[in-house]
Protein backbone atom coordinates (compact mmCIF):
# COMPACT_ATOMS: atom_id res chain seq x y z
CA MET A 1 -23.54 35.10 -39.87
CA TRP A 2 -24.99 35.45 -36.21
CA THR A 3 -28.15 34.01 -34.79
CA LEU A 4 -31.02 36.60 -34.67
CA THR A 5 -33.10 37.21 -31.41
CA ALA A 6 -36.00 34.79 -30.59
CA ASP A 7 -38.61 37.26 -32.51
CA GLY A 8 -36.33 37.33 -35.51
CA SER A 9 -34.79 40.75 -35.05
CA PHE A 10 -31.32 41.86 -35.05
CA SER A 11 -29.76 43.29 -31.74
CA MET A 12 -26.16 44.22 -31.18
CA LYS A 13 -26.06 41.51 -28.05
CA SER A 14 -26.71 38.87 -30.65
CA ALA A 15 -24.13 40.11 -32.82
CA TRP A 16 -21.58 40.21 -29.92
CA GLU A 17 -22.21 36.97 -28.69
CA ALA A 18 -21.67 35.36 -32.14
CA CYS A 19 -18.38 37.10 -32.50
CA ARG A 20 -16.74 37.05 -28.93
CA LYS A 21 -14.41 34.30 -27.77
CA ARG A 22 -15.65 32.85 -24.55
CA ASN A 23 -13.22 32.12 -21.93
CA PRO A 24 -13.64 30.35 -18.63
CA ILE A 25 -15.11 32.33 -15.84
CA GLN A 26 -12.32 33.13 -13.46
CA PRO A 27 -12.49 32.24 -9.65
CA TRP A 28 -12.28 35.78 -8.63
CA TYR A 29 -14.99 37.14 -10.83
CA SER A 30 -17.99 38.71 -9.63
CA GLN A 31 -21.43 39.51 -11.36
CA GLY A 32 -21.69 42.77 -10.07
CA VAL A 33 -21.71 46.21 -12.05
CA PRO A 34 -19.36 45.93 -15.00
CA ARG A 35 -17.32 49.18 -14.13
CA TRP A 36 -16.74 47.48 -10.61
CA GLY A 37 -15.72 44.29 -12.48
CA PHE A 38 -13.15 46.17 -14.58
CA ILE A 39 -11.64 47.83 -11.50
CA GLU A 40 -11.61 44.63 -9.61
CA TRP A 41 -9.90 42.91 -12.44
CA LEU A 42 -7.13 45.83 -12.95
CA ALA A 43 -6.72 45.68 -9.12
CA ILE A 44 -6.13 41.93 -9.18
CA LEU A 45 -3.63 42.22 -11.93
CA ASP A 46 -1.87 45.11 -10.11
CA ARG A 47 -2.59 47.46 -13.03
CA LEU A 48 -4.09 50.32 -11.19
CA SER A 49 -2.28 53.56 -11.69
CA THR A 50 -1.26 54.14 -8.33
CA ARG A 51 0.68 57.13 -7.36
CA ASP A 52 3.87 55.18 -6.72
CA LYS A 53 3.54 53.94 -10.28
CA LEU A 54 2.85 57.39 -11.57
CA PHE A 55 6.02 58.86 -9.76
CA SER A 56 8.00 56.02 -11.06
CA TRP A 57 7.15 56.88 -14.79
CA GLY A 58 8.15 60.38 -14.04
CA VAL A 59 4.63 61.99 -14.10
CA GLY A 60 4.90 64.90 -11.73
CA VAL A 61 2.98 63.72 -8.66
CA SER A 62 3.72 63.03 -5.16
CA PRO A 63 3.94 59.25 -4.22
CA GLN A 64 2.26 60.18 -0.75
CA CYS A 65 -1.17 58.46 -0.03
CA VAL A 66 -4.03 60.87 -0.88
CA LEU A 67 -6.03 59.37 1.78
CA CYS A 68 -4.15 59.57 4.77
CA MET A 69 -1.07 61.44 3.56
CA ASP A 70 1.00 58.78 5.47
CA GLY A 71 3.06 56.81 3.50
CA MET A 72 3.58 56.02 -0.12
CA GLU A 73 0.48 55.03 -2.12
CA SER A 74 1.05 51.92 -3.50
CA HIS A 75 -1.54 49.05 -4.66
CA ASP A 76 -1.65 47.31 -1.26
CA HIS A 77 -1.35 50.46 0.88
CA LEU A 78 -4.32 52.22 -0.90
CA PHE A 79 -6.84 49.17 -0.61
CA PHE A 80 -5.54 47.71 2.61
CA ALA A 81 -2.73 49.05 4.72
CA CYS A 82 -3.81 52.92 4.75
CA HIS A 83 -5.40 53.14 8.22
CA LEU A 84 -8.75 54.56 6.67
CA SER A 85 -9.11 52.04 3.94
CA SER A 86 -8.12 49.37 6.42
CA ASP A 87 -10.86 50.51 8.83
CA ILE A 88 -13.57 50.40 6.15
CA TRP A 89 -12.24 46.64 5.33
CA LYS A 90 -12.63 45.75 9.06
CA GLN A 91 -16.22 47.11 9.06
CA ILE A 92 -17.09 45.27 5.76
CA LEU A 93 -15.87 41.87 7.44
CA THR A 94 -17.69 42.73 10.63
CA CYS A 95 -20.85 43.46 8.84
CA ASN A 96 -20.53 39.87 7.17
CA ASP A 97 -19.69 38.14 10.43
CA ILE A 98 -15.93 37.45 9.33
CA HIS A 99 -13.61 38.04 12.25
CA ARG A 100 -9.90 38.22 11.14
CA VAL A 101 -7.21 40.62 10.29
CA VAL A 102 -7.45 42.47 6.91
CA LEU A 103 -4.89 40.84 4.49
CA PRO A 104 -3.05 42.15 1.47
CA LEU A 105 -5.09 41.87 -1.90
CA SER A 106 -3.65 38.69 -3.30
CA GLN A 107 -4.34 36.96 0.19
CA GLU A 108 -7.88 38.58 0.47
CA VAL A 109 -8.63 37.17 -3.18
CA ALA A 110 -7.15 33.47 -2.27
CA TRP A 111 -9.11 33.57 1.04
CA THR A 112 -12.39 34.66 -1.06
CA VAL A 113 -11.92 31.99 -3.66
CA GLN A 114 -11.18 29.35 -0.98
CA SER A 115 -14.01 30.25 1.20
CA TYR A 116 -16.75 30.89 -1.38
CA ALA A 117 -15.86 28.30 -4.11
CA GLY A 118 -19.02 27.33 -5.93
CA LYS A 119 -21.21 30.24 -4.15
CA ARG A 120 -21.99 33.41 -5.08
CA VAL A 121 -20.48 36.36 -3.14
C-alpha cells in the first residue's frame, strides 16, 4: 500500500513513488526535460538508431549522413564529427567560455563528469 499525498488524496505520483525501484543517480544525468534525458541516455549507451545501424540491420536506407551528405552517419559522426554538428558544439563551448576542441561523445561525457562533479550543469 502506498502513502497518500499530504492532503490524504490518491495521486499517480504517490503510487509511482511507492512502486518504483530507486537506483543511484548516474554522474552524467541532467535534471532537464525528460525527453532530452531519454535521448541523452540512449546516446550515451550508443543505442540511437543511426543510419549506419539501420543499414547494417538491412533496413533500406543509405548510410550517408543526412546533415552533411559527406560520410557515414554513425553515432559519433552525427553528433561530433559532422562539420555542421561540430560547428554547433564549438559555438556551445565558446558560449560557455570553454576553449578546446570538440571530443567524441564518450570523452565529452567523461570531461563533463570530471569538470562539473557535484555541480549542476
